[in-house]
Amino acid sequence: MNKKNFNVLIPKEFLDEMEVYSTIISPIHQEMGILIMSQNLNRMSNDIVIRLYRLQKEKNKKSYEIIYELQAFSFSLYNQAKSFLDYLPNMSAIEMLLMLNPEPQYQ
């Protein structure tokens, strides 16, 4: 996957609460990608949120647009969030499915 910054149209209200972490554009379907945004991504926070958004670029346009939110992940430790972000571009489809559908916790 291609991991670098691309021109993405991001609503101002998103930037008021979150920071852009990265964009990942599909090497096969370059009109599609993922925007990774974070909230409270710092070593002092115990309430870190990582949000993944589906991007689309129409033909003859220069910018990607957010289509919808794919998923939000919550972390209480900076190191866990950072490890997830570092691993995300190389994660297999099976690993992602397992993260999206974790095993139920019974009490």
PDB file of N, CA and C in Angstrom:
ATOM      1  N   MET A   1       0.833  -1.178   0.000  1.00  0.00           N
ATOM      2  CA  MET A   1       0.000   0.000   0.000  1.00  0.00           C
ATOM      3  C   MET A   1       0.874   1.236   0.000  1.00  0.00           C
ATOM      4  N   ASN A   2       0.317   2.279  -0.569  1.00  0.00           N
ATOM      5  CA  ASN A   2       1.019   3.533  -0.665  1.00  0.00           C
ATOM      6  C   ASN A   2       0.668   4.391   0.539  1.00  0.00           C
ATOM      7  N   LYS A   3       1.632   4.713   1.368  1.00  0.00           N
ATOM      8  CA  LYS A   3       1.367   5.475   2.592  1.00  0.00           C
ATOM      9  C   LYS A   3       2.103   6.804   2.529  1.00  0.00           C
ATOM     10  N   LYS A   4       1.353   7.868   2.196  1.00  0.00           N
ATOM     11  CA  LYS A   4       1.884   9.220   2.208  1.00  0.00           C
ATOM     12  C   LYS A   4       0.707  10.173   2.187  1.00  0.00           C
ATOM     13  N   ASN A   5       0.973  11.458   2.194  1.00  0.00           N
ATOM     14  CA  ASN A   5      -0.112  12.430   2.218  1.00  0.00           C
ATOM     15  C   ASN A   5      -0.619  12.707   0.815  1.00  0.00           C
ATOM     16  N   PHE A   6      -1.937  12.810   0.689  1.00  0.00           N
ATOM     17  CA  PHE A   6      -2.605  13.111  -0.559  1.00  0.00           C
ATOM     18  C   PHE A   6      -3.552  14.273  -0.304  1.00  0.00           C
ATOM     19  N   ASN A   7      -4.025  14.904  -1.360  1.00  0.00           N
ATOM     20  CA  ASN A   7      -4.969  15.997  -1.230  1.00  0.00           C
ATOM     21  C   ASN A   7      -6.352  15.435  -0.920  1.00  0.00           C
ATOM     22  N   VAL A   8      -6.820  15.678   0.300  1.00  0.00           N
ATOM     23  CA  VAL A   8      -8.108  15.159   0.766  1.00  0.00           C
ATOM     24  C   VAL A   8      -8.951  16.331   1.258  1.00  0.00           C
ATOM     25  N   LEU A   9     -10.199  16.394   0.804  1.00  0.00           N
ATOM     26  CA  LEU A   9     -11.120  17.418   1.289  1.00  0.00           C
ATOM     27  C   LEU A   9     -11.692  16.953   2.628  1.00  0.00           C
ATOM     28  N   ILE A  10     -11.336  17.667   3.680  1.00  0.00           N
ATOM     29  CA  ILE A  10     -11.746  17.284   5.032  1.00  0.00           C
ATOM     30  C   ILE A  10     -12.603  18.403   5.614  1.00  0.00           C
ATOM     31  N   PRO A  11     -13.815  18.086   6.065  1.00  0.00           N
ATOM     32  CA  PRO A  11     -14.671  19.112   6.674  1.00  0.00           C
ATOM     33  C   PRO A  11     -13.993  19.762   7.884  1.00  0.00           C
ATOM     34  N   LYS A  12     -14.192  21.057   8.028  1.00  0.00           N
ATOM     35  CA  LYS A  12     -13.575  21.814   9.114  1.00  0.00           C
ATOM     36  C   LYS A  12     -13.921  21.231  10.484  1.00  0.00           C
ATOM     37  N   GLU A  13     -15.167  20.776  10.652  1.00  0.00           N
ATOM     38  CA  GLU A  13     -15.560  20.248  11.965  1.00  0.00           C
ATOM     39  C   GLU A  13     -14.772  18.993  12.345  1.00  0.00           C
ATOM     40  N   PHE A  14     -14.316  18.230  11.344  1.00  0.00           N
ATOM     41  CA  PHE A  14     -13.452  17.079  11.632  1.00  0.00           C
ATOM     42  C   PHE A  14     -12.128  17.556  12.219  1.00  0.00           C
ATOM     43  N   LEU A  15     -11.574  18.599  11.610  1.00  0.00           N
ATOM     44  CA  LEU A  15     -10.260  19.099  12.030  1.00  0.00           C
ATOM     45  C   LEU A  15     -10.314  19.829  13.366  1.00  0.00           C
ATOM     46  N   ASP A  16     -11.510  20.243  13.788  1.00  0.00           N
ATOM     47  CA  ASP A  16     -11.658  20.880  15.095  1.00  0.00           C
ATOM     48  C   ASP A  16     -11.427  19.877  16.223  1.00  0.00           C
ATOM     49  N   GLU A  17     -11.746  18.600  15.973  1.00  0.00           N
ATOM     50  CA  GLU A  17     -11.661  17.587  17.030  1.00  0.00           C
ATOM     51  C   GLU A  17     -10.599  16.519  16.794  1.00  0.00           C
ATOM     52  N   MET A  18     -10.132  16.397  15.557  1.00  0.00           N
ATOM     53  CA  MET A  18      -9.205  15.309  15.224  1.00  0.00           C
ATOM     54  C   MET A  18      -8.015  15.841  14.430  1.00  0.00           C
ATOM     55  N   GLU A  19      -6.985  15.001  14.362  1.00  0.00           N
ATOM     56  CA  GLU A  19      -5.809  15.305  13.550  1.00  0.00           C
ATOM     57  C   GLU A  19      -5.654  14.243  12.482  1.00  0.00           C
ATOM     58  N   VAL A  20      -5.188  14.655  11.318  1.00  0.00           N
ATOM     59  CA  VAL A  20      -4.902  13.693  10.257  1.00  0.00           C
ATOM     60  C   VAL A  20      -3.639  12.940  10.630  1.00  0.00           C
ATOM     61  N   TYR A  21      -3.731  11.632  10.666  1.00  0.00           N
ATOM     62  CA  TYR A  21      -2.555  10.810  10.934  1.00  0.00           C
ATOM     63  C   TYR A  21      -1.897  10.396   9.622  1.00  0.00           C
ATOM     64  N   SER A  22      -2.700   9.885   8.679  1.00  0.00           N
ATOM     65  CA  SER A  22      -2.146   9.409   7.416  1.00  0.00           C
ATOM     66  C   SER A  22      -3.258   9.147   6.411  1.00  0.00           C
ATOM     67  N   THR A  23      -2.864   8.963   5.180  1.00  0.00           N
ATOM     68  CA  THR A  23      -3.760   8.472   4.139  1.00  0.00           C
ATOM     69  C   THR A  23      -3.110   7.255   3.497  1.00  0.00           C
ATOM     70  N   ILE A  24      -3.939   6.301   3.148  1.00  0.00           N
ATOM     71  CA  ILE A  24      -3.451   5.102   2.462  1.00  0.00           C
ATOM     72  C   ILE A  24      -4.291   4.947   1.202  1.00  0.00           C
ATOM     73  N   ILE A  25      -3.630   4.951   0.062  1.00  0.00           N
ATOM     74  CA  ILE A  25      -4.307   4.817  -1.224  1.00  0.00           C
ATOM     75  C   ILE A  25      -4.023   3.425  -1.776  1.00  0.00           C
ATOM     76  N   SER A  26      -5.074   2.780  -2.277  1.00  0.00           N
ATOM     77  CA  SER A  26      -4.930   1.440  -2.845  1.00  0.00           C
ATOM     78  C   SER A  26      -4.001   1.477  -4.054  1.00  0.00           C
ATOM     79  N   PRO A  27      -3.013   0.586  -4.099  1.00  0.00           N
ATOM     80  CA  PRO A  27      -2.131   0.545  -5.267  1.00  0.00           C
ATOM     81  C   PRO A  27      -2.828  -0.040  -6.499  1.00  0.00           C
ATOM     82  N   ILE A  28      -3.906  -0.757  -6.286  1.00  0.00           N
ATOM     83  CA  ILE A  28      -4.634  -1.384  -7.394  1.00  0.00           C
ATOM     84  C   ILE A  28      -5.753  -0.477  -7.896  1.00  0.00           C
ATOM     85  N   HIS A  29      -6.491   0.116  -6.980  1.00  0.00           N
ATOM     86  CA  HIS A  29      -7.594   1.013  -7.315  1.00  0.00           C
ATOM     87  C   HIS A  29      -7.261   2.392  -6.755  1.00  0.00           C
ATOM     88  N   GLN A  30      -6.473   3.153  -7.498  1.00  0.00           N
ATOM     89  CA  GLN A  30      -5.940   4.407  -6.976  1.00  0.00           C
ATOM     90  C   GLN A  30      -6.991   5.484  -6.738  1.00  0.00           C
ATOM     91  N   GLU A  31      -8.222   5.224  -7.128  1.00  0.00           N
ATOM     92  CA  GLU A  31      -9.290   6.177  -6.843  1.00  0.00           C
ATOM     93  C   GLU A  31      -9.887   5.941  -5.448  1.00  0.00           C
ATOM     94  N   MET A  32      -9.436   4.885  -4.759  1.00  0.00           N
ATOM     95  CA  MET A  32      -9.955   4.533  -3.433  1.00  0.00           C
ATOM     96  C   MET A  32      -8.851   4.610  -2.387  1.00  0.00           C
ATOM     97  N   GLY A  33      -9.249   4.959  -1.187  1.00  0.00           N
ATOM     98  CA  GLY A  33      -8.254   5.009  -0.125  1.00  0.00           C
ATOM     99  C   GLY A  33      -8.899   5.081   1.242  1.00  0.00           C
ATOM    100  N   ILE A  34      -8.039   5.248   2.241  1.00  0.00           N
ATOM    101  CA  ILE A  34      -8.466   5.357   3.632  1.00  0.00           C
ATOM    102  C   ILE A  34      -7.769   6.569   4.241  1.00  0.00           C
ATOM    103  N   LEU A  35      -8.542   7.352   4.958  1.00  0.00           N
ATOM    104  CA  LEU A  35      -8.012   8.459   5.744  1.00  0.00           C
ATOM    105  C   LEU A  35      -7.981   8.001   7.194  1.00  0.00           C
ATOM    106  N   ILE A  36      -6.857   8.167   7.843  1.00  0.00           N
ATOM    107  CA  ILE A  36      -6.705   7.789   9.248  1.00  0.00           C
ATOM    108  C   ILE A  36      -6.601   9.076  10.065  1.00  0.00           C
ATOM    109  N   MET A  37      -7.552   9.228  10.999  1.00  0.00           N
ATOM    110  CA  MET A  37      -7.554  10.405  11.862  1.00  0.00           C
ATOM    111  C   MET A  37      -7.503   9.955  13.318  1.00  0.00           C
ATOM    112  N   SER A  38      -6.954  10.823  14.155  1.00  0.00           N
ATOM    113  CA  SER A  38      -6.811  10.471  15.572  1.00  0.00           C
ATOM    114  C   SER A  38      -7.337  11.579  16.468  1.00  0.00           C
ATOM    115  N   GLN A  39      -7.759  11.152  17.652  1.00  0.00           N
ATOM    116  CA  GLN A  39      -8.143  12.070  18.724  1.00  0.00           C
ATOM    117  C   GLN A  39      -7.322  11.694  19.948  1.00  0.00           C
ATOM    118  N   ASN A  40      -6.726  12.677  20.571  1.00  0.00           N
ATOM    119  CA  ASN A  40      -5.976  12.490  21.817  1.00  0.00           C
ATOM    120  C   ASN A  40      -4.802  11.524  21.672  1.00  0.00           C
ATOM    121  N   LEU A  41      -4.158  11.515  20.538  1.00  0.00           N
ATOM    122  CA  LEU A  41      -3.017  10.615  20.332  1.00  0.00           C
ATOM    123  C   LEU A  41      -1.765  11.227  20.960  1.00  0.00           C
ATOM    124  N   ASN A  42      -1.636  11.022  22.261  1.00  0.00           N
ATOM    125  CA  ASN A  42      -0.451  11.484  22.979  1.00  0.00           C
ATOM    126  C   ASN A  42      -0.225  10.570  24.169  1.00  0.00           C
ATOM    127  N   ARG A  43       0.966  10.594  24.688  1.00  0.00           N
ATOM    128  CA  ARG A  43       1.359   9.670  25.763  1.00  0.00           C
ATOM    129  C   ARG A  43       0.601   9.914  27.073  1.00  0.00           C
ATOM    130  N   MET A  44       0.031  11.091  27.251  1.00  0.00           N
ATOM    131  CA  MET A  44      -0.659  11.424  28.499  1.00  0.00           C
ATOM    132  C   MET A  44      -2.126  10.998  28.487  1.00  0.00           C
ATOM    133  N   SER A  45      -2.661  10.681  27.312  1.00  0.00           N
ATOM    134  CA  SER A  45      -4.086  10.381  27.205  1.00  0.00           C
ATOM    135  C   SER A  45      -4.385   8.912  27.494  1.00  0.00           C
ATOM    136  N   ASN A  46      -5.527   8.672  28.109  1.00  0.00           N
ATOM    137  CA  ASN A  46      -6.004   7.300  28.300  1.00  0.00           C
ATOM    138  C   ASN A  46      -7.341   7.105  27.555  1.00  0.00           C
ATOM    139  N   ASP A  47      -7.610   8.029  26.605  1.00  0.00           N
ATOM    140  CA  ASP A  47      -8.835   7.996  25.816  1.00  0.00           C
ATOM    141  C   ASP A  47      -8.500   8.348  24.365  1.00  0.00           C
ATOM    142  N   ILE A  48      -7.787   7.464  23.714  1.00  0.00           N
ATOM    143  CA  ILE A  48      -7.336   7.687  22.333  1.00  0.00           C
ATOM    144  C   ILE A  48      -8.329   7.033  21.387  1.00  0.00           C
ATOM    145  N   VAL A  49      -8.696   7.762  20.340  1.00  0.00           N
ATOM    146  CA  VAL A  49      -9.612   7.230  19.330  1.00  0.00           C
ATOM    147  C   VAL A  49      -8.956   7.362  17.967  1.00  0.00           C
ATOM    148  N   ILE A  50      -8.977   6.272  17.214  1.00  0.00           N
ATOM    149  CA  ILE A  50      -8.495   6.240  15.834  1.00  0.00           C
ATOM    150  C   ILE A  50      -9.711   6.004  14.946  1.00  0.00           C
ATOM    151  N   ARG A  51      -9.909   6.874  13.971  1.00  0.00           N
ATOM    152  CA  ARG A  51     -11.047   6.747  13.056  1.00  0.00           C
ATOM    153  C   ARG A  51     -10.546   6.528  11.632  1.00  0.00           C
ATOM    154  N   LEU A  52     -11.179   5.572  10.961  1.00  0.00           N
ATOM    155  CA  LEU A  52     -10.836   5.258   9.569  1.00  0.00           C
ATOM    156  C   LEU A  52     -11.994   5.683   8.668  1.00  0.00           C
ATOM    157  N   TYR A  53     -11.684   6.437   7.630  1.00  0.00           N
ATOM    158  CA  TYR A  53     -12.688   6.917   6.688  1.00  0.00           C
ATOM    159  C   TYR A  53     -12.386   6.424   5.283  1.00  0.00           C
ATOM    160  N   ARG A  54     -13.417   6.054   4.574  1.00  0.00           N
ATOM    161  CA  ARG A  54     -13.300   5.610   3.179  1.00  0.00           C
ATOM    162  C   ARG A  54     -13.195   6.841   2.293  1.00  0.00           C
ATOM    163  N   LEU A  55     -12.196   6.854   1.424  1.00  0.00           N
ATOM    164  CA  LEU A  55     -11.971   7.954   0.498  1.00  0.00           C
ATOM    165  C   LEU A  55     -12.300   7.531  -0.925  1.00  0.00           C
ATOM    166  N   GLN A  56     -12.710   8.493  -1.718  1.00  0.00           N
ATOM    167  CA  GLN A  56     -12.984   8.255  -3.135  1.00  0.00           C
ATOM    168  C   GLN A  56     -12.531   9.487  -3.913  1.00  0.00           C
ATOM    169  N   LYS A  57     -11.911   9.250  -5.067  1.00  0.00           N
ATOM    170  CA  LYS A  57     -11.529  10.346  -5.961  1.00  0.00           C
ATOM    171  C   LYS A  57     -12.196  10.101  -7.304  1.00  0.00           C
ATOM    172  N   GLU A  58     -12.994  11.053  -7.711  1.00  0.00           N
ATOM    173  CA  GLU A  58     -13.659  10.941  -9.008  1.00  0.00           C
ATOM    174  C   GLU A  58     -12.657  11.244 -10.122  1.00  0.00           C
ATOM    175  N   LYS A  59     -12.904  10.668 -11.281  1.00  0.00           N
ATOM    176  CA  LYS A  59     -12.034  10.923 -12.433  1.00  0.00           C
ATOM    177  C   LYS A  59     -12.002  12.422 -12.711  1.00  0.00           C
ATOM    178  N   ASN A  60     -10.855  12.887 -13.130  1.00  0.00           N
ATOM    179  CA  ASN A  60     -10.630  14.292 -13.488  1.00  0.00           C
ATOM    180  C   ASN A  60     -10.696  15.243 -12.294  1.00  0.00           C
ATOM    181  N   LYS A  61     -10.664  14.717 -11.077  1.00  0.00           N
ATOM    182  CA  LYS A  61     -10.607  15.570  -9.885  1.00  0.00           C
ATOM    183  C   LYS A  61      -9.251  15.375  -9.221  1.00  0.00           C
ATOM    184  N   LYS A  62      -8.794  16.404  -8.525  1.00  0.00           N
ATOM    185  CA  LYS A  62      -7.478  16.360  -7.890  1.00  0.00           C
ATOM    186  C   LYS A  62      -7.536  15.896  -6.439  1.00  0.00           C
ATOM    187  N   SER A  63      -8.700  15.965  -5.817  1.00  0.00           N
ATOM    188  CA  SER A  63      -8.818  15.678  -4.390  1.00  0.00           C
ATOM    189  C   SER A  63      -9.673  14.454  -4.123  1.00  0.00           C
ATOM    190  N   TYR A  64      -9.310  13.768  -3.050  1.00  0.00           N
ATOM    191  CA  TYR A  64     -10.131  12.676  -2.533  1.00  0.00           C
ATOM    192  C   TYR A  64     -11.189  13.277  -1.619  1.00  0.00           C
ATOM    193  N   GLU A  65     -12.346  12.623  -1.537  1.00  0.00           N
ATOM    194  CA  GLU A  65     -13.412  13.057  -0.650  1.00  0.00           C
ATOM    195  C   GLU A  65     -13.766  11.925   0.305  1.00  0.00           C
ATOM    196  N   ILE A  66     -14.151  12.288   1.522  1.00  0.00           N
ATOM    197  CA  ILE A  66     -14.594  11.294   2.505  1.00  0.00           C
ATOM    198  C   ILE A  66     -15.989  10.828   2.103  1.00  0.00           C
ATOM    199  N   ILE A  67     -16.154   9.513   1.991  1.00  0.00           N
ATOM    200  CA  ILE A  67     -17.446   8.935   1.632  1.00  0.00           C
ATOM    201  C   ILE A  67     -18.220   8.550   2.896  1.00  0.00           C
ATOM    202  N   TYR A  68     -17.562   7.853   3.826  1.00  0.00           N
ATOM    203  CA  TYR A  68     -18.188   7.475   5.089  1.00  0.00           C
ATOM    204  C   TYR A  68     -17.120   6.965   6.059  1.00  0.00           C
ATOM    205  N   GLU A  69     -17.506   6.877   7.329  1.00  0.00           N
ATOM    206  CA  GLU A  69     -16.611   6.331   8.340  1.00  0.00           C
ATOM    207  C   GLU A  69     -16.663   4.810   8.278  1.00  0.00           C
ATOM    208  N   LEU A  70     -15.498   4.186   8.208  1.00  0.00           N
ATOM    209  CA  LEU A  70     -15.411   2.727   8.190  1.00  0.00           C
ATOM    210  C   LEU A  70     -15.497   2.150   9.597  1.00  0.00           C
ATOM    211  N   GLN A  71     -14.708   2.716  10.506  1.00  0.00           N
ATOM    212  CA  GLN A  71     -14.644   2.151  11.854  1.00  0.00           C
ATOM    213  C   GLN A  71     -13.921   3.119  12.777  1.00  0.00           C
ATOM    214  N   ALA A  72     -14.224   3.032  14.055  1.00  0.00           N
ATOM    215  CA  ALA A  72     -13.495   3.770  15.081  1.00  0.00           C
ATOM    216  C   ALA A  72     -12.943   2.766  16.080  1.00  0.00           C
ATOM    217  N   PHE A  73     -11.717   2.975  16.506  1.00  0.00           N
ATOM    218  CA  PHE A  73     -11.055   2.105  17.474  1.00  0.00           C
ATOM    219  C   PHE A  73     -10.655   2.951  18.675  1.00  0.00           C
ATOM    220  N   SER A  74     -10.837   2.403  19.862  1.00  0.00           N
ATOM    221  CA  SER A  74     -10.527   3.108  21.094  1.00  0.00           C
ATOM    222  C   SER A  74      -9.364   2.410  21.807  1.00  0.00           C
ATOM    223  N   PHE A  75      -8.465   3.216  22.366  1.00  0.00           N
ATOM    224  CA  PHE A  75      -7.296   2.695  23.071  1.00  0.00           C
ATOM    225  C   PHE A  75      -7.109   3.477  24.364  1.00  0.00           C
ATOM    226  N   SER A  76      -6.694   2.777  25.399  1.00  0.00           N
ATOM    227  CA  SER A  76      -6.423   3.457  26.663  1.00  0.00           C
ATOM    228  C   SER A  76      -4.932   3.720  26.861  1.00  0.00           C
ATOM    229  N   LEU A  77      -4.099   3.105  26.028  1.00  0.00           N
ATOM    230  CA  LEU A  77      -2.645   3.290  26.123  1.00  0.00           C
ATOM    231  C   LEU A  77      -2.075   3.777  24.790  1.00  0.00           C
ATOM    232  N   TYR A  78      -1.196   4.759  24.886  1.00  0.00           N
ATOM    233  CA  TYR A  78      -0.557   5.318  23.683  1.00  0.00           C
ATOM    234  C   TYR A  78       0.179   4.237  22.890  1.00  0.00           C
ATOM    235  N   ASN A  79       0.922   3.371  23.591  1.00  0.00           N
ATOM    236  CA  ASN A  79       1.712   2.354  22.893  1.00  0.00           C
ATOM    237  C   ASN A  79       0.836   1.396  22.088  1.00  0.00           C
ATOM    238  N   GLN A  80      -0.343   1.063  22.604  1.00  0.00           N
ATOM    239  CA  GLN A  80      -1.272   0.196  21.865  1.00  0.00           C
ATOM    240  C   GLN A  80      -1.769   0.895  20.607  1.00  0.00           C
ATOM    241  N   ALA A  81      -2.155   2.150  20.738  1.00  0.00           N
ATOM    242  CA  ALA A  81      -2.647   2.910  19.590  1.00  0.00           C
ATOM    243  C   ALA A  81      -1.566   3.063  18.533  1.00  0.00           C
ATOM    244  N   LYS A  82      -0.362   3.366  18.962  1.00  0.00           N
ATOM    245  CA  LYS A  82       0.755   3.562  18.023  1.00  0.00           C
ATOM    246  C   LYS A  82       1.106   2.254  17.322  1.00  0.00           C
ATOM    247  N   SER A  83       1.099   1.152  18.043  1.00  0.00           N
ATOM    248  CA  SER A  83       1.371  -0.148  17.423  1.00  0.00           C
ATOM    249  C   SER A  83       0.313  -0.474  16.372  1.00  0.00           C
ATOM    250  N   PHE A  84      -0.955  -0.212  16.698  1.00  0.00           N
ATOM    251  CA  PHE A  84      -2.038  -0.429  15.743  1.00  0.00           C
ATOM    252  C   PHE A  84      -1.826   0.409  14.484  1.00  0.00           C
ATOM    253  N   LEU A  85      -1.502   1.674  14.655  1.00  0.00           N
ATOM    254  CA  LEU A  85      -1.299   2.559  13.508  1.00  0.00           C
ATOM    255  C   LEU A  85      -0.108   2.134  12.654  1.00  0.00           C
ATOM    256  N   ASP A  86       0.945   1.675  13.298  1.00  0.00           N
ATOM    257  CA  ASP A  86       2.130   1.228  12.560  1.00  0.00           C
ATOM    258  C   ASP A  86       1.845  -0.048  11.775  1.00  0.00           C
ATOM    259  N   TYR A  87       1.008  -0.915  12.336  1.00  0.00           N
ATOM    260  CA  TYR A  87       0.714  -2.211  11.712  1.00  0.00           C
ATOM    261  C   TYR A  87      -0.404  -2.137  10.669  1.00  0.00           C
ATOM    262  N   LEU A  88      -1.276  -1.154  10.795  1.00  0.00           N
ATOM    263  CA  LEU A  88      -2.464  -1.050   9.947  1.00  0.00           C
ATOM    264  C   LEU A  88      -2.194  -1.167   8.445  1.00  0.00           C
ATOM    265  N   PRO A  89      -1.218  -0.492   7.874  1.00  0.00           N
ATOM    266  CA  PRO A  89      -1.007  -0.595   6.421  1.00  0.00           C
ATOM    267  C   PRO A  89      -0.627  -2.004   5.944  1.00  0.00           C
ATOM    268  N   ASN A  90      -0.113  -2.825   6.838  1.00  0.00           N
ATOM    269  CA  ASN A  90       0.323  -4.175   6.472  1.00  0.00           C
ATOM    270  C   ASN A  90      -0.618  -5.264   6.964  1.00  0.00           C
ATOM    271  N   MET A  91      -1.720  -4.868   7.587  1.00  0.00           N
ATOM    272  CA  MET A  91      -2.662  -5.825   8.154  1.00  0.00           C
ATOM    273  C   MET A  91      -3.374  -6.599   7.039  1.00  0.00           C
ATOM    274  N   SER A  92      -3.517  -7.897   7.236  1.00  0.00           N
ATOM    275  CA  SER A  92      -4.232  -8.707   6.254  1.00  0.00           C
ATOM    276  C   SER A  92      -5.735  -8.486   6.393  1.00  0.00           C
ATOM    277  N   ALA A  93      -6.471  -8.873   5.385  1.00  0.00           N
ATOM    278  CA  ALA A  93      -7.939  -8.758   5.430  1.00  0.00           C
ATOM    279  C   ALA A  93      -8.508  -9.591   6.571  1.00  0.00           C
ATOM    280  N   ILE A  94      -7.949 -10.755   6.803  1.00  0.00           N
ATOM    281  CA  ILE A  94      -8.432 -11.621   7.880  1.00  0.00           C
ATOM    282  C   ILE A  94      -8.207 -10.950   9.238  1.00  0.00           C
ATOM    283  N   GLU A  95      -7.036 -10.376   9.436  1.00  0.00           N
ATOM    284  CA  GLU A  95      -6.751  -9.691  10.701  1.00  0.00           C
ATOM    285  C   GLU A  95      -7.718  -8.520  10.914  1.00  0.00           C
ATOM    286  N   MET A  96      -7.989  -7.784   9.844  1.00  0.00           N
ATOM    287  CA  MET A  96      -8.916  -6.659   9.966  1.00  0.00           C
ATOM    288  C   MET A  96     -10.327  -7.143  10.304  1.00  0.00           C
ATOM    289  N   LEU A  97     -10.771  -8.219   9.667  1.00  0.00           N
ATOM    290  CA  LEU A  97     -12.095  -8.763   9.982  1.00  0.00           C
ATOM    291  C   LEU A  97     -12.191  -9.179  11.450  1.00  0.00           C
ATOM    292  N   LEU A  98     -11.141  -9.796  11.955  1.00  0.00           N
ATOM    293  CA  LEU A  98     -11.139 -10.210  13.354  1.00  0.00           C
ATOM    294  C   LEU A  98     -11.171  -9.005  14.297  1.00  0.00           C
ATOM    295  N   MET A  99     -10.498  -7.920  13.917  1.00  0.00           N
ATOM    296  CA  MET A  99     -10.533  -6.709  14.745  1.00  0.00           C
ATOM    297  C   MET A  99     -11.904  -6.055  14.702  1.00  0.00           C
ATOM    298  N   LEU A 100     -12.561  -6.117  13.545  1.00  0.00           N
ATOM    299  CA  LEU A 100     -13.878  -5.496  13.401  1.00  0.00           C
ATOM    300  C   LEU A 100     -14.963  -6.290  14.112  1.00  0.00           C
ATOM    301  N   ASN A 101     -14.721  -7.590  14.307  1.00  0.00           N
ATOM    302  CA  ASN A 101     -15.690  -8.473  14.934  1.00  0.00           C
ATOM    303  C   ASN A 101     -15.027  -9.263  16.056  1.00  0.00           C
ATOM    304  N   PRO A 102     -14.687  -8.590  17.156  1.00  0.00           N
ATOM    305  CA  PRO A 102     -13.986  -9.291  18.238  1.00  0.00           C
ATOM    306  C   PRO A 102     -14.881 -10.338  18.908  1.00  0.00           C
ATOM    307  N   GLU A 103     -14.240 -11.282  19.552  1.00  0.00           N
ATOM    308  CA  GLU A 103     -14.955 -12.316  20.282  1.00  0.00           C
ATOM    309  C   GLU A 103     -15.737 -11.685  21.429  1.00  0.00           C
ATOM    310  N   PRO A 104     -16.994 -12.066  21.598  1.00  0.00           N
ATOM    311  CA  PRO A 104     -17.798 -11.486  22.694  1.00  0.00           C
ATOM    312  C   PRO A 104     -17.165 -11.789  24.050  1.00  0.00           C
ATOM    313  N   GLN A 105     -17.244 -10.826  24.935  1.00  0.00           N
ATOM    314  CA  GLN A 105     -16.741 -10.981  26.294  1.00  0.00           C
ATOM    315  C   GLN A 105     -17.907 -11.355  27.200  1.00  0.00           C
ATOM    316  N   TYR A 106     -17.864 -12.556  27.760  1.00  0.00           N
ATOM    317  CA  TYR A 106     -18.926 -13.016  28.647  1.00  0.00           C
ATOM    318  C   TYR A 106     -18.516 -12.744  30.087  1.00  0.00           C
ATOM    319  N   GLN A 107     -19.488 -12.396  30.894  1.00  0.00           N
ATOM    320  CA  GLN A 107     -19.190 -12.064  32.295  1.00  0.00           C
ATOM    321  C   GLN A 107     -19.551 -13.189  33.217  1.00  0.00           C
TER     322      GLN A 107
END
